[in-house]
Amino acid sequence: MVYVLIIIIIILVMPIEVVFKKDEINNDIDIFLTKLFNLRLDFDEVLKLLLTTKENRTDITLSGLKHNYHLFMLARNLIYDVSKNTRPKELSFVFKAKKVYPELDIFIYVGLWSFLSYLKNKFHEFVPRLENDNYELVYTSNFNFSFYWSVRLRVIYIIFSIIKNYKDLFKIRKFLRKGKKDYGASSNLWFI
């Protein structure tokens, strides 16, 4: 019994490194549980979960985006509390734009830099201790973006955030059940 308790305490305080990578070659999320074992998730599948609903996983629809946006807004306090306790190691966001016409390129350039500054402000809002970040805009043969974010967190911080924002969990559950009753579809989370 003591060994099980020691293992649980070690898992709770052990740092977990989560690496989000998206570029032309890699599209995945890596979760490293400090040398015990490594988990790897596909970034495309996670994006599909964030942009679609359970009843329609193939198409990204406006109603699915609206549903997931409301879900994110209900969970924003929980996400903010977890992100306050993370230790971000590195963030890199590179937009790759295609040159079209010289007259149009300046508008694309200014628009993308405005978008990058908006992203920078949002990242600094949700992750206040973000220090090593890099935002770039380069011209290539096609439109694309590269994203790399490495953060460290502990399971105990996630549990504390859930306990602190337990009222939000009830709101999220009520929202998901309401969608289930209104549309006759199952909720977006498998455990409800």
N, C-alpha and C. Protein backbone atom coordinates (compact mmCIF):
# COMPACT_ATOMS: atom_id res chain seq x y z
N MET A 1 0.82 -1.20 0.00
CA MET A 1 0.00 0.00 0.00
C MET A 1 0.87 1.26 0.00
N VAL A 2 1.96 1.21 0.74
CA VAL A 2 2.86 2.36 0.82
C VAL A 2 3.52 2.60 -0.54
N TYR A 3 3.85 1.52 -1.25
CA TYR A 3 4.48 1.66 -2.56
C TYR A 3 3.52 2.31 -3.55
N VAL A 4 2.26 1.95 -3.50
CA VAL A 4 1.27 2.56 -4.39
C VAL A 4 1.13 4.04 -4.09
N LEU A 5 1.10 4.39 -2.82
CA LEU A 5 1.02 5.79 -2.43
C LEU A 5 2.25 6.58 -2.90
N ILE A 6 3.41 6.01 -2.78
CA ILE A 6 4.64 6.67 -3.24
C ILE A 6 4.61 6.85 -4.75
N ILE A 7 4.15 5.86 -5.48
CA ILE A 7 4.06 5.97 -6.95
C ILE A 7 3.06 7.04 -7.35
N ILE A 8 1.93 7.11 -6.66
CA ILE A 8 0.92 8.14 -6.97
C ILE A 8 1.49 9.53 -6.69
N ILE A 9 2.20 9.70 -5.58
CA ILE A 9 2.80 11.01 -5.26
C ILE A 9 3.85 11.38 -6.31
N ILE A 10 4.65 10.42 -6.73
CA ILE A 10 5.66 10.70 -7.76
C ILE A 10 5.00 11.13 -9.06
N ILE A 11 3.93 10.47 -9.45
CA ILE A 11 3.23 10.83 -10.70
C ILE A 11 2.60 12.21 -10.57
N LEU A 12 2.07 12.55 -9.39
CA LEU A 12 1.44 13.85 -9.20
C LEU A 12 2.43 15.01 -9.27
N VAL A 13 3.62 14.83 -8.74
CA VAL A 13 4.59 15.94 -8.72
C VAL A 13 5.62 15.86 -9.84
N MET A 14 5.61 14.80 -10.60
CA MET A 14 6.56 14.63 -11.69
C MET A 14 6.27 15.63 -12.81
N PRO A 15 7.28 16.32 -13.32
CA PRO A 15 7.03 17.25 -14.42
C PRO A 15 6.72 16.49 -15.72
N ILE A 16 5.73 17.02 -16.42
CA ILE A 16 5.33 16.47 -17.71
C ILE A 16 5.67 17.51 -18.76
N GLU A 17 6.36 17.11 -19.78
CA GLU A 17 6.68 18.03 -20.87
C GLU A 17 5.76 17.72 -22.04
N VAL A 18 5.05 18.75 -22.50
CA VAL A 18 4.15 18.62 -23.63
C VAL A 18 4.71 19.46 -24.77
N VAL A 19 4.90 18.83 -25.93
CA VAL A 19 5.48 19.51 -27.09
C VAL A 19 4.46 19.45 -28.22
N PHE A 20 4.03 20.62 -28.68
CA PHE A 20 3.14 20.73 -29.83
C PHE A 20 4.00 21.08 -31.04
N LYS A 21 3.93 20.27 -32.10
CA LYS A 21 4.72 20.53 -33.30
C LYS A 21 3.82 20.45 -34.51
N LYS A 22 3.94 21.43 -35.38
CA LYS A 22 3.25 21.39 -36.66
C LYS A 22 4.13 22.05 -37.69
N ASP A 23 4.53 21.31 -38.69
CA ASP A 23 5.25 21.86 -39.83
C ASP A 23 4.96 20.97 -41.03
N GLU A 24 5.78 21.07 -42.08
CA GLU A 24 5.52 20.28 -43.28
C GLU A 24 5.70 18.78 -43.04
N ILE A 25 6.55 18.41 -42.10
CA ILE A 25 6.86 17.00 -41.86
C ILE A 25 6.12 16.46 -40.65
N ASN A 26 6.19 17.15 -39.53
CA ASN A 26 5.61 16.67 -38.28
C ASN A 26 4.30 17.38 -37.98
N ASN A 27 3.29 16.61 -37.62
CA ASN A 27 2.03 17.14 -37.13
C ASN A 27 1.63 16.32 -35.92
N ASP A 28 2.22 16.59 -34.77
CA ASP A 28 1.87 15.79 -33.63
C ASP A 28 2.07 16.54 -32.32
N ILE A 29 1.52 15.93 -31.28
CA ILE A 29 1.67 16.42 -29.92
C ILE A 29 2.38 15.32 -29.15
N ASP A 30 3.50 15.64 -28.55
CA ASP A 30 4.26 14.67 -27.77
C ASP A 30 4.10 15.00 -26.29
N ILE A 31 3.84 13.98 -25.50
CA ILE A 31 3.75 14.13 -24.06
C ILE A 31 4.83 13.24 -23.45
N PHE A 32 5.77 13.87 -22.76
CA PHE A 32 6.87 13.13 -22.16
C PHE A 32 6.70 13.14 -20.65
N LEU A 33 6.54 11.97 -20.08
CA LEU A 33 6.40 11.84 -18.64
C LEU A 33 7.77 11.53 -18.03
N THR A 34 8.68 12.44 -18.16
CA THR A 34 10.04 12.39 -17.63
C THR A 34 10.62 10.99 -17.52
N LYS A 35 10.95 10.48 -18.63
CA LYS A 35 11.71 9.24 -18.76
C LYS A 35 10.95 7.96 -18.42
N LEU A 36 9.71 8.07 -17.95
CA LEU A 36 8.96 6.84 -17.69
C LEU A 36 8.43 6.24 -18.99
N PHE A 37 7.64 7.03 -19.68
CA PHE A 37 7.18 6.62 -21.00
C PHE A 37 6.75 7.86 -21.76
N ASN A 38 6.68 7.74 -23.06
CA ASN A 38 6.34 8.86 -23.93
C ASN A 38 5.03 8.55 -24.64
N LEU A 39 4.17 9.52 -24.70
CA LEU A 39 2.92 9.40 -25.44
C LEU A 39 3.00 10.30 -26.65
N ARG A 40 2.39 9.91 -27.74
CA ARG A 40 2.39 10.72 -28.94
C ARG A 40 0.99 10.75 -29.51
N LEU A 41 0.48 11.95 -29.74
CA LEU A 41 -0.84 12.14 -30.33
C LEU A 41 -0.66 12.82 -31.68
N ASP A 42 -1.60 12.60 -32.57
CA ASP A 42 -1.55 13.22 -33.87
C ASP A 42 -2.19 14.60 -33.81
N PHE A 43 -1.48 15.63 -34.25
CA PHE A 43 -1.96 17.01 -34.19
C PHE A 43 -3.23 17.18 -35.02
N ASP A 44 -3.30 16.51 -36.17
CA ASP A 44 -4.48 16.62 -37.02
C ASP A 44 -5.72 16.09 -36.31
N GLU A 45 -5.57 15.01 -35.58
CA GLU A 45 -6.70 14.43 -34.85
C GLU A 45 -7.15 15.36 -33.72
N VAL A 46 -6.21 16.00 -33.05
CA VAL A 46 -6.56 16.93 -31.98
C VAL A 46 -7.27 18.14 -32.56
N LEU A 47 -6.77 18.67 -33.69
CA LEU A 47 -7.47 19.79 -34.33
C LEU A 47 -8.86 19.39 -34.77
N LYS A 48 -8.99 18.17 -35.27
CA LYS A 48 -10.31 17.69 -35.68
C LYS A 48 -11.25 17.64 -34.48
N LEU A 49 -10.74 17.24 -33.32
CA LEU A 49 -11.56 17.22 -32.11
C LEU A 49 -11.96 18.63 -31.69
N LEU A 50 -11.06 19.60 -31.88
CA LEU A 50 -11.36 20.97 -31.47
C LEU A 50 -12.28 21.70 -32.43
N LEU A 51 -12.28 21.33 -33.70
CA LEU A 51 -13.04 22.07 -34.70
C LEU A 51 -14.33 21.39 -35.14
N THR A 52 -14.54 20.16 -34.76
CA THR A 52 -15.76 19.45 -35.16
C THR A 52 -16.51 18.97 -33.93
N THR A 53 -17.71 18.47 -34.15
CA THR A 53 -18.50 17.89 -33.06
C THR A 53 -18.55 16.39 -33.24
N LYS A 54 -18.98 15.70 -32.22
CA LYS A 54 -18.91 14.24 -32.22
C LYS A 54 -19.81 13.64 -33.30
N GLU A 55 -20.93 14.29 -33.58
CA GLU A 55 -21.84 13.73 -34.57
C GLU A 55 -21.36 13.93 -36.00
N ASN A 56 -20.39 14.83 -36.23
CA ASN A 56 -19.89 15.06 -37.58
C ASN A 56 -18.39 15.32 -37.51
N ARG A 57 -17.58 14.26 -37.45
CA ARG A 57 -16.13 14.40 -37.35
C ARG A 57 -15.44 14.63 -38.69
N THR A 58 -16.17 14.50 -39.80
CA THR A 58 -15.52 14.63 -41.10
C THR A 58 -15.48 16.06 -41.60
N ASP A 59 -16.50 16.86 -41.30
CA ASP A 59 -16.60 18.22 -41.83
C ASP A 59 -16.48 19.26 -40.73
N ILE A 60 -15.78 20.33 -41.05
CA ILE A 60 -15.72 21.48 -40.17
C ILE A 60 -16.85 22.41 -40.58
N THR A 61 -17.82 22.57 -39.69
CA THR A 61 -18.98 23.39 -39.99
C THR A 61 -19.00 24.61 -39.08
N LEU A 62 -19.78 25.60 -39.46
CA LEU A 62 -19.91 26.80 -38.66
C LEU A 62 -20.57 26.49 -37.32
N SER A 63 -21.54 25.60 -37.31
CA SER A 63 -22.20 25.24 -36.05
C SER A 63 -21.23 24.49 -35.13
N GLY A 64 -20.36 23.65 -35.70
CA GLY A 64 -19.36 22.95 -34.90
C GLY A 64 -18.35 23.92 -34.30
N LEU A 65 -17.92 24.92 -35.09
CA LEU A 65 -16.99 25.93 -34.57
C LEU A 65 -17.65 26.75 -33.46
N LYS A 66 -18.93 27.09 -33.67
CA LYS A 66 -19.65 27.88 -32.67
C LYS A 66 -19.81 27.07 -31.38
N HIS A 67 -20.15 25.80 -31.51
CA HIS A 67 -20.31 24.93 -30.34
C HIS A 67 -18.99 24.82 -29.57
N ASN A 68 -17.91 24.59 -30.25
CA ASN A 68 -16.61 24.43 -29.58
C ASN A 68 -16.10 25.76 -29.02
N TYR A 69 -16.44 26.88 -29.66
CA TYR A 69 -16.07 28.19 -29.11
C TYR A 69 -16.78 28.42 -27.78
N HIS A 70 -18.08 28.10 -27.72
CA HIS A 70 -18.81 28.25 -26.46
C HIS A 70 -18.24 27.33 -25.39
N LEU A 71 -17.85 26.14 -25.79
CA LEU A 71 -17.24 25.20 -24.85
C LEU A 71 -15.91 25.75 -24.33
N PHE A 72 -15.10 26.33 -25.22
CA PHE A 72 -13.84 26.94 -24.81
C PHE A 72 -14.08 28.12 -23.87
N MET A 73 -15.09 28.94 -24.16
CA MET A 73 -15.37 30.09 -23.30
C MET A 73 -15.82 29.65 -21.90
N LEU A 74 -16.54 28.53 -21.82
CA LEU A 74 -16.94 28.02 -20.51
C LEU A 74 -15.73 27.48 -19.74
N ALA A 75 -14.74 26.93 -20.45
CA ALA A 75 -13.58 26.32 -19.81
C ALA A 75 -12.39 27.27 -19.72
N ARG A 76 -12.55 28.53 -20.07
CA ARG A 76 -11.40 29.43 -20.13
C ARG A 76 -10.74 29.66 -18.77
N ASN A 77 -11.52 29.70 -17.69
CA ASN A 77 -10.90 29.87 -16.36
C ASN A 77 -10.05 28.67 -15.99
N LEU A 78 -10.54 27.50 -16.30
CA LEU A 78 -9.77 26.28 -16.04
C LEU A 78 -8.49 26.25 -16.86
N ILE A 79 -8.59 26.60 -18.13
CA ILE A 79 -7.43 26.62 -19.01
C ILE A 79 -6.43 27.69 -18.55
N TYR A 80 -6.94 28.85 -18.13
CA TYR A 80 -6.07 29.92 -17.67
C TYR A 80 -5.33 29.52 -16.39
N ASP A 81 -6.03 28.87 -15.46
CA ASP A 81 -5.36 28.45 -14.22
C ASP A 81 -4.30 27.40 -14.48
N VAL A 82 -4.58 26.46 -15.37
CA VAL A 82 -3.57 25.46 -15.71
C VAL A 82 -2.38 26.13 -16.39
N SER A 83 -2.65 27.06 -17.31
CA SER A 83 -1.56 27.70 -18.03
C SER A 83 -0.72 28.62 -17.14
N LYS A 84 -1.30 29.16 -16.06
CA LYS A 84 -0.51 29.97 -15.13
C LYS A 84 0.55 29.14 -14.42
N ASN A 85 0.28 27.87 -14.24
CA ASN A 85 1.22 27.00 -13.52
C ASN A 85 2.16 26.25 -14.45
N THR A 86 2.08 26.49 -15.73
CA THR A 86 3.00 25.83 -16.65
C THR A 86 4.32 26.58 -16.69
N ARG A 87 5.33 25.88 -17.10
CA ARG A 87 6.65 26.48 -17.32
C ARG A 87 6.95 26.38 -18.81
N PRO A 88 6.59 27.40 -19.56
CA PRO A 88 6.87 27.33 -21.00
C PRO A 88 8.36 27.40 -21.28
N LYS A 89 8.81 26.51 -22.10
CA LYS A 89 10.23 26.48 -22.44
C LYS A 89 10.50 27.25 -23.73
N GLU A 90 9.68 27.02 -24.73
CA GLU A 90 9.94 27.64 -26.03
C GLU A 90 8.65 27.70 -26.83
N LEU A 91 8.49 28.80 -27.58
CA LEU A 91 7.36 28.96 -28.49
C LEU A 91 7.89 29.55 -29.78
N SER A 92 7.52 28.94 -30.89
CA SER A 92 7.92 29.44 -32.20
C SER A 92 6.74 29.33 -33.14
N PHE A 93 6.41 30.42 -33.79
CA PHE A 93 5.30 30.45 -34.74
C PHE A 93 5.80 31.13 -36.01
N VAL A 94 5.81 30.40 -37.13
CA VAL A 94 6.33 30.92 -38.39
C VAL A 94 5.23 30.82 -39.45
N PHE A 95 4.83 31.96 -39.99
CA PHE A 95 3.88 31.98 -41.11
C PHE A 95 4.67 31.95 -42.41
N LYS A 96 4.22 31.13 -43.33
CA LYS A 96 4.85 31.06 -44.64
C LYS A 96 3.83 31.53 -45.66
N ALA A 97 4.10 32.67 -46.27
CA ALA A 97 3.17 33.28 -47.21
C ALA A 97 3.72 33.16 -48.63
N LYS A 98 2.81 33.18 -49.57
CA LYS A 98 3.17 33.08 -50.98
C LYS A 98 3.04 34.47 -51.62
N LYS A 99 4.04 34.84 -52.40
CA LYS A 99 3.96 36.12 -53.11
C LYS A 99 2.99 35.97 -54.28
N VAL A 100 2.02 36.89 -54.34
CA VAL A 100 1.00 36.83 -55.38
C VAL A 100 1.22 37.95 -56.39
N TYR A 101 0.91 39.15 -55.98
CA TYR A 101 1.14 40.35 -56.79
C TYR A 101 1.81 41.38 -55.88
N PRO A 102 2.70 42.21 -56.41
CA PRO A 102 3.37 43.20 -55.55
C PRO A 102 2.40 44.12 -54.83
N GLU A 103 1.29 44.47 -55.50
CA GLU A 103 0.32 45.37 -54.86
C GLU A 103 -0.43 44.66 -53.74
N LEU A 104 -0.66 43.38 -53.89
CA LEU A 104 -1.40 42.61 -52.90
C LEU A 104 -0.50 42.10 -51.78
N ASP A 105 0.79 41.92 -52.08
CA ASP A 105 1.71 41.36 -51.09
C ASP A 105 1.84 42.24 -49.85
N ILE A 106 1.79 43.56 -50.02
CA ILE A 106 1.93 44.45 -48.86
C ILE A 106 0.74 44.30 -47.92
N PHE A 107 -0.48 44.09 -48.46
CA PHE A 107 -1.64 43.89 -47.61
C PHE A 107 -1.57 42.54 -46.90
N ILE A 108 -1.09 41.53 -47.59
CA ILE A 108 -0.91 40.21 -46.97
C ILE A 108 0.14 40.30 -45.87
N TYR A 109 1.23 40.99 -46.14
CA TYR A 109 2.31 41.15 -45.18
C TYR A 109 1.83 41.86 -43.91
N VAL A 110 1.14 42.98 -44.08
CA VAL A 110 0.64 43.75 -42.93
C VAL A 110 -0.43 42.95 -42.17
N GLY A 111 -1.31 42.28 -42.91
CA GLY A 111 -2.35 41.48 -42.26
C GLY A 111 -1.79 40.32 -41.45
N LEU A 112 -0.80 39.62 -42.01
CA LEU A 112 -0.21 38.51 -41.28
C LEU A 112 0.59 38.98 -40.07
N TRP A 113 1.30 40.11 -40.18
CA TRP A 113 2.00 40.62 -39.01
C TRP A 113 1.03 41.08 -37.93
N SER A 114 -0.10 41.65 -38.34
CA SER A 114 -1.13 42.02 -37.36
C SER A 114 -1.68 40.78 -36.66
N PHE A 115 -1.90 39.71 -37.44
CA PHE A 115 -2.37 38.46 -36.86
C PHE A 115 -1.33 37.87 -35.91
N LEU A 116 -0.05 37.93 -36.29
CA LEU A 116 1.01 37.42 -35.42
C LEU A 116 1.11 38.22 -34.12
N SER A 117 0.93 39.54 -34.20
CA SER A 117 0.97 40.34 -32.96
C SER A 117 -0.25 40.03 -32.08
N TYR A 118 -1.40 39.75 -32.70
CA TYR A 118 -2.58 39.34 -31.94
C TYR A 118 -2.32 38.00 -31.24
N LEU A 119 -1.73 37.05 -31.97
CA LEU A 119 -1.39 35.76 -31.37
C LEU A 119 -0.40 35.93 -30.21
N LYS A 120 0.57 36.80 -30.40
CA LYS A 120 1.55 37.04 -29.34
C LYS A 120 0.87 37.59 -28.09
N ASN A 121 -0.04 38.54 -28.26
CA ASN A 121 -0.75 39.09 -27.11
C ASN A 121 -1.61 38.04 -26.42
N LYS A 122 -2.27 37.19 -27.20
CA LYS A 122 -3.11 36.13 -26.61
C LYS A 122 -2.26 35.11 -25.87
N PHE A 123 -1.12 34.72 -26.44
CA PHE A 123 -0.25 33.77 -25.75
C PHE A 123 0.26 34.37 -24.45
N HIS A 124 0.63 35.65 -24.46
CA HIS A 124 1.12 36.28 -23.24
C HIS A 124 0.00 36.49 -22.22
N GLU A 125 -1.24 36.60 -22.69
CA GLU A 125 -2.38 36.72 -21.78
C GLU A 125 -2.64 35.39 -21.07
N PHE A 126 -2.62 34.29 -21.81
CA PHE A 126 -2.92 32.99 -21.22
C PHE A 126 -1.70 32.34 -20.57
N VAL A 127 -0.52 32.66 -21.01
CA VAL A 127 0.70 32.11 -20.42
C VAL A 127 1.58 33.29 -20.03
N PRO A 128 1.37 33.83 -18.82
CA PRO A 128 2.07 35.06 -18.44
C PRO A 128 3.58 34.95 -18.39
N ARG A 129 4.13 33.78 -18.12
CA ARG A 129 5.58 33.65 -17.96
C ARG A 129 6.27 33.21 -19.24
N LEU A 130 5.69 33.49 -20.36
CA LEU A 130 6.28 33.11 -21.64
C LEU A 130 7.44 34.06 -21.95
N GLU A 131 8.64 33.50 -22.02
CA GLU A 131 9.83 34.33 -22.21
C GLU A 131 10.51 34.09 -23.55
N ASN A 132 10.69 32.85 -23.93
CA ASN A 132 11.43 32.53 -25.14
C ASN A 132 10.44 32.27 -26.28
N ASP A 133 10.04 33.33 -26.97
CA ASP A 133 9.10 33.16 -28.06
C ASP A 133 9.65 33.80 -29.33
N ASN A 134 9.23 33.25 -30.46
CA ASN A 134 9.73 33.68 -31.75
C ASN A 134 8.57 33.69 -32.73
N TYR A 135 8.34 34.81 -33.40
CA TYR A 135 7.29 34.95 -34.40
C TYR A 135 7.93 35.44 -35.69
N GLU A 136 7.68 34.74 -36.77
CA GLU A 136 8.31 35.10 -38.05
C GLU A 136 7.30 35.05 -39.18
N LEU A 137 7.62 35.78 -40.23
CA LEU A 137 6.87 35.75 -41.48
C LEU A 137 7.88 35.62 -42.61
N VAL A 138 7.78 34.54 -43.38
CA VAL A 138 8.69 34.32 -44.49
C VAL A 138 7.87 34.04 -45.74
N TYR A 139 8.45 34.35 -46.88
CA TYR A 139 7.81 34.08 -48.16
C TYR A 139 8.36 32.78 -48.75
N THR A 140 7.44 31.88 -49.11
CA THR A 140 7.79 30.60 -49.72
C THR A 140 6.89 30.37 -50.93
N SER A 141 6.94 29.16 -51.47
CA SER A 141 6.16 28.86 -52.67
C SER A 141 4.68 28.61 -52.38
N ASN A 142 4.30 28.36 -51.14
CA ASN A 142 2.89 28.15 -50.82
C ASN A 142 2.60 28.64 -49.40
N PHE A 143 1.29 28.79 -49.11
CA PHE A 143 0.87 29.20 -47.78
C PHE A 143 0.97 28.03 -46.82
N ASN A 144 1.54 28.28 -45.65
CA ASN A 144 1.64 27.25 -44.63
C ASN A 144 2.08 27.93 -43.34
N PHE A 145 2.11 27.18 -42.26
CA PHE A 145 2.65 27.71 -41.02
C PHE A 145 3.34 26.59 -40.25
N SER A 146 4.29 26.99 -39.43
CA SER A 146 4.99 26.07 -38.53
C SER A 146 4.77 26.55 -37.11
N PHE A 147 4.58 25.59 -36.24
CA PHE A 147 4.27 25.90 -34.85
C PHE A 147 5.03 24.94 -33.97
N TYR A 148 5.72 25.46 -32.97
CA TYR A 148 6.43 24.64 -32.00
C TYR A 148 6.24 25.26 -30.63
N TRP A 149 5.71 24.47 -29.70
CA TRP A 149 5.51 24.98 -28.35
C TRP A 149 5.84 23.87 -27.37
N SER A 150 6.73 24.15 -26.46
CA SER A 150 7.14 23.19 -25.44
C SER A 150 6.83 23.77 -24.07
N VAL A 151 6.04 23.05 -23.28
CA VAL A 151 5.66 23.50 -21.93
C VAL A 151 5.89 22.36 -20.94
N ARG A 152 6.11 22.75 -19.70
CA ARG A 152 6.22 21.79 -18.60
C ARG A 152 5.14 22.09 -17.58
N LEU A 153 4.47 21.04 -17.12
CA LEU A 153 3.47 21.19 -16.08
C LEU A 153 3.47 19.96 -15.21
N ARG A 154 2.71 20.03 -14.15
CA ARG A 154 2.60 18.90 -13.22
C ARG A 154 1.13 18.53 -13.09
N VAL A 155 0.87 17.25 -12.89
CA VAL A 155 -0.50 16.75 -12.77
C VAL A 155 -1.20 17.37 -11.57
N ILE A 156 -0.47 17.63 -10.53
CA ILE A 156 -1.07 18.20 -9.32
C ILE A 156 -1.65 19.59 -9.60
N TYR A 157 -1.01 20.37 -10.49
CA TYR A 157 -1.54 21.68 -10.84
C TYR A 157 -2.86 21.55 -11.60
N ILE A 158 -2.96 20.55 -12.45
CA ILE A 158 -4.22 20.32 -13.18
C ILE A 158 -5.32 19.96 -12.18
N ILE A 159 -5.02 19.12 -11.22
CA ILE A 159 -6.01 18.73 -10.22
C ILE A 159 -6.43 19.94 -9.38
N PHE A 160 -5.46 20.78 -8.98
CA PHE A 160 -5.78 21.99 -8.22
C PHE A 160 -6.66 22.94 -9.03
N SER A 161 -6.38 23.07 -10.32
CA SER A 161 -7.19 23.94 -11.17
C SER A 161 -8.61 23.41 -11.31
N ILE A 162 -8.76 22.11 -11.41
CA ILE A 162 -10.09 21.51 -11.49
C ILE A 162 -10.85 21.75 -10.19
N ILE A 163 -10.17 21.58 -9.05
CA ILE A 163 -10.82 21.82 -7.76
C ILE A 163 -11.21 23.28 -7.61
N LYS A 164 -10.32 24.18 -8.02
CA LYS A 164 -10.59 25.62 -7.90
C LYS A 164 -11.76 26.05 -8.78
N ASN A 165 -11.89 25.46 -9.96
CA ASN A 165 -12.93 25.85 -10.92
C ASN A 165 -13.97 24.75 -11.07
N TYR A 166 -14.35 24.13 -9.98
CA TYR A 166 -15.32 23.04 -10.08
C TYR A 166 -16.68 23.52 -10.59
N LYS A 167 -17.03 24.78 -10.35
CA LYS A 167 -18.31 25.30 -10.85
C LYS A 167 -18.33 25.35 -12.38
N ASP A 168 -17.17 25.61 -12.97
CA ASP A 168 -17.10 25.61 -14.43
C ASP A 168 -17.34 24.23 -15.01
N LEU A 169 -16.93 23.19 -14.29
CA LEU A 169 -17.19 21.83 -14.76
C LEU A 169 -18.68 21.55 -14.83
N PHE A 170 -19.43 22.06 -13.86
CA PHE A 170 -20.88 21.87 -13.90
C PHE A 170 -21.50 22.63 -15.07
N LYS A 171 -20.98 23.85 -15.34
CA LYS A 171 -21.48 24.62 -16.49
C LYS A 171 -21.17 23.91 -17.80
N ILE A 172 -19.97 23.36 -17.91
CA ILE A 172 -19.59 22.64 -19.14
C ILE A 172 -20.47 21.42 -19.32
N ARG A 173 -20.69 20.68 -18.25
CA ARG A 173 -21.53 19.49 -18.33
C ARG A 173 -22.96 19.85 -18.71
N LYS A 174 -23.48 20.93 -18.12
CA LYS A 174 -24.84 21.38 -18.44
C LYS A 174 -24.92 21.81 -19.90
N PHE A 175 -23.90 22.53 -20.38
CA PHE A 175 -23.87 22.96 -21.78
C PHE A 175 -23.86 21.76 -22.73
N LEU A 176 -23.05 20.76 -22.41
CA LEU A 176 -22.97 19.58 -23.28
C LEU A 176 -24.25 18.77 -23.24
N ARG A 177 -24.89 18.67 -22.09
CA ARG A 177 -26.17 17.96 -22.01
C ARG A 177 -27.28 18.73 -22.71
N LYS A 178 -27.23 20.06 -22.66
CA LYS A 178 -28.22 20.88 -23.36
C LYS A 178 -28.12 20.64 -24.86
N GLY A 179 -26.89 20.60 -25.39
CA GLY A 179 -26.70 20.31 -26.81
C GLY A 179 -27.21 18.93 -27.17
N LYS A 180 -27.09 18.00 -26.24
CA LYS A 180 -27.55 16.64 -26.46
C LYS A 180 -29.07 16.61 -26.57
N LYS A 181 -29.76 17.40 -25.72
CA LYS A 181 -31.22 17.43 -25.74
C LYS A 181 -31.75 18.21 -26.94
N ASP A 182 -31.09 19.33 -27.28
CA ASP A 182 -31.57 20.18 -28.36
C ASP A 182 -31.44 19.52 -29.72
N TYR A 183 -30.32 18.88 -29.96
CA TYR A 183 -30.05 18.37 -31.29
C TYR A 183 -30.17 16.86 -31.41
N GLY A 184 -30.41 16.18 -30.32
CA GLY A 184 -30.55 14.74 -30.35
C GLY A 184 -29.26 14.03 -30.64
N ALA A 185 -28.16 14.69 -30.41
CA ALA A 185 -26.85 14.11 -30.69
C ALA A 185 -26.12 13.90 -29.38
N SER A 186 -25.09 13.12 -29.44
CA SER A 186 -24.29 12.91 -28.25
C SER A 186 -23.39 14.09 -28.02
N SER A 187 -22.87 14.19 -26.81
CA SER A 187 -22.03 15.32 -26.47
C SER A 187 -20.65 15.18 -27.10
N ASN A 188 -19.86 16.24 -26.96
CA ASN A 188 -18.53 16.27 -27.53
C ASN A 188 -17.52 15.48 -26.70
N LEU A 189 -17.83 15.21 -25.44
CA LEU A 189 -16.92 14.47 -24.58
C LEU A 189 -17.46 13.07 -24.38
N TRP A 190 -16.60 12.10 -24.33
CA TRP A 190 -17.02 10.71 -24.27
C TRP A 190 -17.50 10.29 -22.89
N PHE A 191 -17.11 11.03 -21.82
CA PHE A 191 -17.44 10.57 -20.49
C PHE A 191 -18.76 11.13 -19.98
N ILE A 192 -19.48 11.93 -20.78
CA ILE A 192 -20.76 12.49 -20.33
C ILE A 192 -21.89 11.74 -20.99
